[in-house]
Amino acid sequence: MKRISLTLTAFILAAALPAESLALGLGGGRSGGRSSS
């Protein structure tokens, strides 16, 4: 069961990193691109 959790975490991370990168590019890095607004 731990395998699924690990895979899920890795998947979420893999999906979140590019999303943040996109937000950074679109927002011009305002507020460090940390806030999702």
C-alpha atoms as a PDB file:
ATOM      1  CA  MET A   1       0.000   0.000   0.000  1.00  0.00           C
ATOM      2  CA  LYS A   2       2.940   2.326   0.648  1.00  0.00           C
ATOM      3  CA  ARG A   3       3.903   2.000  -2.996  1.00  0.00           C
ATOM      4  CA  ILE A   4       0.673   3.657  -4.098  1.00  0.00           C
ATOM      5  CA  SER A   5       1.263   6.522  -1.677  1.00  0.00           C
ATOM      6  CA  LEU A   6       4.784   7.037  -2.978  1.00  0.00           C
ATOM      7  CA  THR A   7       3.614   6.943  -6.588  1.00  0.00           C
ATOM      8  CA  LEU A   8       0.833   9.391  -5.813  1.00  0.00           C
ATOM      9  CA  THR A   9       3.246  11.770  -4.093  1.00  0.00           C
ATOM     10  CA  ALA A  10       5.681  11.575  -6.993  1.00  0.00           C
ATOM     11  CA  PHE A  11       2.849  12.138  -9.473  1.00  0.00           C
ATOM     12  CA  ILE A  12       1.530  15.159  -7.581  1.00  0.00           C
ATOM     13  CA  LEU A  13       5.034  16.610  -7.310  1.00  0.00           C
ATOM     14  CA  ALA A  14       5.669  16.037 -11.001  1.00  0.00           C
ATOM     15  CA  ALA A  15       2.388  17.788 -11.809  1.00  0.00           C
ATOM     16  CA  ALA A  16       2.898  20.629  -9.327  1.00  0.00           C
ATOM     17  CA  LEU A  17       6.450  21.576 -10.351  1.00  0.00           C
ATOM     18  CA  PRO A  18       5.647  22.392 -14.014  1.00  0.00           C
ATOM     19  CA  ALA A  19       2.452  24.134 -12.879  1.00  0.00           C
ATOM     20  CA  GLU A  20       4.453  26.387 -10.578  1.00  0.00           C
ATOM     21  CA  SER A  21       6.959  26.965 -13.355  1.00  0.00           C
ATOM     22  CA  LEU A  22       4.104  28.059 -15.628  1.00  0.00           C
ATOM     23  CA  ALA A  23       2.672  30.312 -12.930  1.00  0.00           C
ATOM     24  CA  LEU A  24       6.116  31.835 -12.466  1.00  0.00           C
ATOM     25  CA  GLY A  25       6.423  32.503 -16.184  1.00  0.00           C
ATOM     26  CA  LEU A  26       2.898  33.912 -16.492  1.00  0.00           C
ATOM     27  CA  GLY A  27       3.021  35.974 -13.286  1.00  0.00           C
ATOM     28  CA  GLY A  28       6.510  37.238 -14.017  1.00  0.00           C
ATOM     29  CA  GLY A  29       7.689  35.835 -10.664  1.00  0.00           C
ATOM     30  CA  ARG A  30       5.531  38.200  -8.600  1.00  0.00           C
ATOM     31  CA  SER A  31       5.727  37.300  -4.866  1.00  0.00           C
ATOM     32  CA  GLY A  32       8.160  34.561  -5.832  1.00  0.00           C
ATOM     33  CA  GLY A  33       5.309  32.732  -7.589  1.00  0.00           C
ATOM     34  CA  ARG A  34       4.458  31.002  -4.340  1.00  0.00           C
ATOM     35  CA  SER A  35       0.901  32.333  -3.897  1.00  0.00           C
ATOM     36  CA  SER A  36      -1.604  30.715  -6.260  1.00  0.00           C
ATOM     37  CA  SER A  37      -3.780  33.716  -6.987  1.00  0.00           C
END
